[in-house]
Amino acid sequence: MKTLTAISTTLLIAGASLVSFTSSAAPMSSYMESALVDTCKAAMSNNTLRLNKTLKAHRLSEKTVALGVVCNGEDIITFAQNHGATKTADHMAQSIGSASITDIASVEIVTYQVNFITSPE
């Protein structure tokens, strides 16, 4: 009985991992990639006005971006901090808000990752 339970648990975890891997590996449209690169560049600029204009232009919410966008392998807040953009990092961190309780089983987390070459403008 313990063996059956262990096998079932292993298969369940492997299936969940496969589902999360395939959803994050989905191809992205050129518009979405452009929007994400613009968002990462705006976060790196340390200009909250530019960040807000970029988010508004692409109709993105600050909370969704703060929780789901990955720039060059780092979440957007860490990415901004590592590039010396403390104003935009703090602004994005404030948009997350307070803690809340969510049923994880009913939520599908989708993250979008974009890699680009950082060059001064």
Protein backbone atom coordinates (compact mmCIF):
# COMPACT_ATOMS: atom_id res chain seq x y z
CA MET A 1 0.00 0.00 0.00
CA LYS A 2 2.84 2.38 0.83
CA THR A 3 4.44 1.61 -2.53
CA LEU A 4 1.22 2.43 -4.38
CA THR A 5 0.91 5.71 -2.49
CA ALA A 6 4.52 6.61 -3.24
CA ILE A 7 4.10 5.83 -6.95
CA SER A 8 0.87 7.82 -7.14
CA THR A 9 2.47 10.81 -5.43
CA THR A 10 5.50 10.68 -7.72
CA LEU A 11 3.33 10.53 -10.84
CA LEU A 12 1.19 13.41 -9.60
CA ILE A 13 4.22 15.61 -8.95
CA ALA A 14 5.79 14.68 -12.30
CA GLY A 15 2.53 15.48 -14.11
CA ALA A 16 2.21 18.84 -12.37
CA SER A 17 5.82 19.68 -13.25
CA LEU A 18 5.23 18.78 -16.88
CA VAL A 19 2.12 20.96 -17.06
CA SER A 20 3.90 23.97 -15.55
CA PHE A 21 6.91 23.46 -17.86
CA THR A 22 4.84 23.30 -21.03
CA SER A 23 2.77 26.37 -20.14
CA SER A 24 5.88 28.49 -19.58
CA ALA A 25 7.52 27.21 -22.77
CA ALA A 26 4.68 28.34 -25.03
CA PRO A 27 5.76 30.50 -27.97
CA MET A 28 5.27 34.22 -27.58
CA SER A 29 4.02 36.66 -30.21
CA SER A 30 6.30 39.43 -31.44
CA TYR A 31 3.96 42.03 -29.90
CA MET A 32 4.16 40.37 -26.49
CA GLU A 33 7.95 40.08 -26.70
CA SER A 34 8.20 43.76 -27.67
CA ALA A 35 5.91 44.76 -24.79
CA LEU A 36 7.99 42.77 -22.31
CA VAL A 37 11.29 44.17 -23.56
CA ASP A 38 9.86 47.70 -23.36
CA THR A 39 8.67 46.98 -19.81
CA CYS A 40 12.07 45.64 -18.75
CA LYS A 41 13.84 48.65 -20.27
CA ALA A 42 11.43 51.02 -18.53
CA ALA A 43 12.04 49.27 -15.20
CA MET A 44 15.79 49.55 -15.77
CA SER A 45 15.52 53.31 -16.51
CA ASN A 46 14.81 54.29 -12.87
CA ASN A 47 12.04 56.58 -14.16
CA THR A 48 8.63 55.73 -12.69
CA LEU A 49 6.85 58.01 -15.16
CA ARG A 50 8.38 56.11 -18.10
CA LEU A 51 7.45 52.80 -16.44
CA ASN A 52 3.84 53.89 -15.92
CA LYS A 53 3.55 55.14 -19.52
CA THR A 54 4.96 51.87 -20.85
CA LEU A 55 2.56 49.78 -18.76
CA LYS A 56 -0.37 51.95 -19.82
CA ALA A 57 0.64 51.80 -23.50
CA HIS A 58 0.66 48.00 -23.40
CA ARG A 59 -2.38 47.78 -21.08
CA LEU A 60 -0.50 45.91 -18.36
CA SER A 61 -1.26 46.11 -14.65
CA GLU A 62 1.57 46.89 -12.26
CA LYS A 63 0.74 43.96 -9.99
CA THR A 64 0.67 41.46 -12.85
CA VAL A 65 4.01 42.73 -14.13
CA ALA A 66 5.58 42.75 -10.65
CA LEU A 67 4.50 39.17 -10.00
CA GLY A 68 4.92 37.62 -13.43
CA VAL A 69 7.55 39.29 -15.62
CA VAL A 70 11.10 37.91 -15.71
CA CYS A 71 13.84 40.04 -17.29
CA ASN A 72 17.09 38.26 -18.22
CA GLY A 73 16.37 35.47 -15.71
CA GLU A 74 15.44 37.74 -12.77
CA ASP A 75 12.06 38.92 -11.55
CA ILE A 76 11.49 42.51 -12.65
CA ILE A 77 12.00 44.01 -9.17
CA THR A 78 15.36 42.29 -8.66
CA PHE A 79 16.33 43.15 -12.25
CA ALA A 80 15.65 46.85 -11.61
CA GLN A 81 17.57 46.80 -8.31
CA ASN A 82 20.57 45.09 -9.92
CA HIS A 83 20.67 47.85 -12.55
CA GLY A 84 20.57 50.62 -9.92
CA ALA A 85 16.94 51.53 -10.62
CA THR A 86 15.79 51.80 -7.01
CA LYS A 87 12.85 54.12 -7.74
CA THR A 88 11.22 51.75 -10.21
CA ALA A 89 12.06 48.72 -8.04
CA ASP A 90 10.38 50.33 -5.01
CA HIS A 91 7.42 51.41 -7.14
CA MET A 92 6.90 47.86 -8.43
CA ALA A 93 7.33 46.41 -4.92
CA GLN A 94 4.60 48.73 -3.59
CA SER A 95 2.21 47.56 -6.31
CA ILE A 96 2.27 44.03 -4.94
CA GLY A 97 0.46 45.19 -1.82
CA SER A 98 -0.26 43.15 1.26
CA ALA A 99 -0.44 39.41 1.78
CA SER A 100 -3.52 37.43 0.89
CA ILE A 101 -4.57 33.80 1.10
CA THR A 102 -5.15 32.03 -2.22
CA ASP A 103 -6.02 28.42 -2.96
CA ILE A 104 -2.93 27.37 -4.92
CA ALA A 105 -4.66 24.35 -6.43
CA SER A 106 -7.12 26.57 -8.30
CA VAL A 107 -4.57 29.07 -9.65
CA GLU A 108 -2.40 28.57 -12.73
CA ILE A 109 0.72 30.70 -12.56
CA VAL A 110 1.99 31.97 -15.88
CA THR A 111 5.30 33.78 -16.08
CA TYR A 112 6.76 35.44 -19.11
CA GLN A 113 10.50 35.64 -19.59
CA VAL A 114 12.42 37.74 -22.07
CA ASN A 115 16.17 38.04 -22.63
CA PHE A 116 17.66 41.06 -24.32
CA ILE A 117 20.96 42.86 -24.56
CA THR A 118 21.21 45.79 -22.19
CA SER A 119 22.82 48.72 -23.91
CA PRO A 120 22.81 52.37 -22.87
CA GLU A 121 20.37 54.57 -24.72
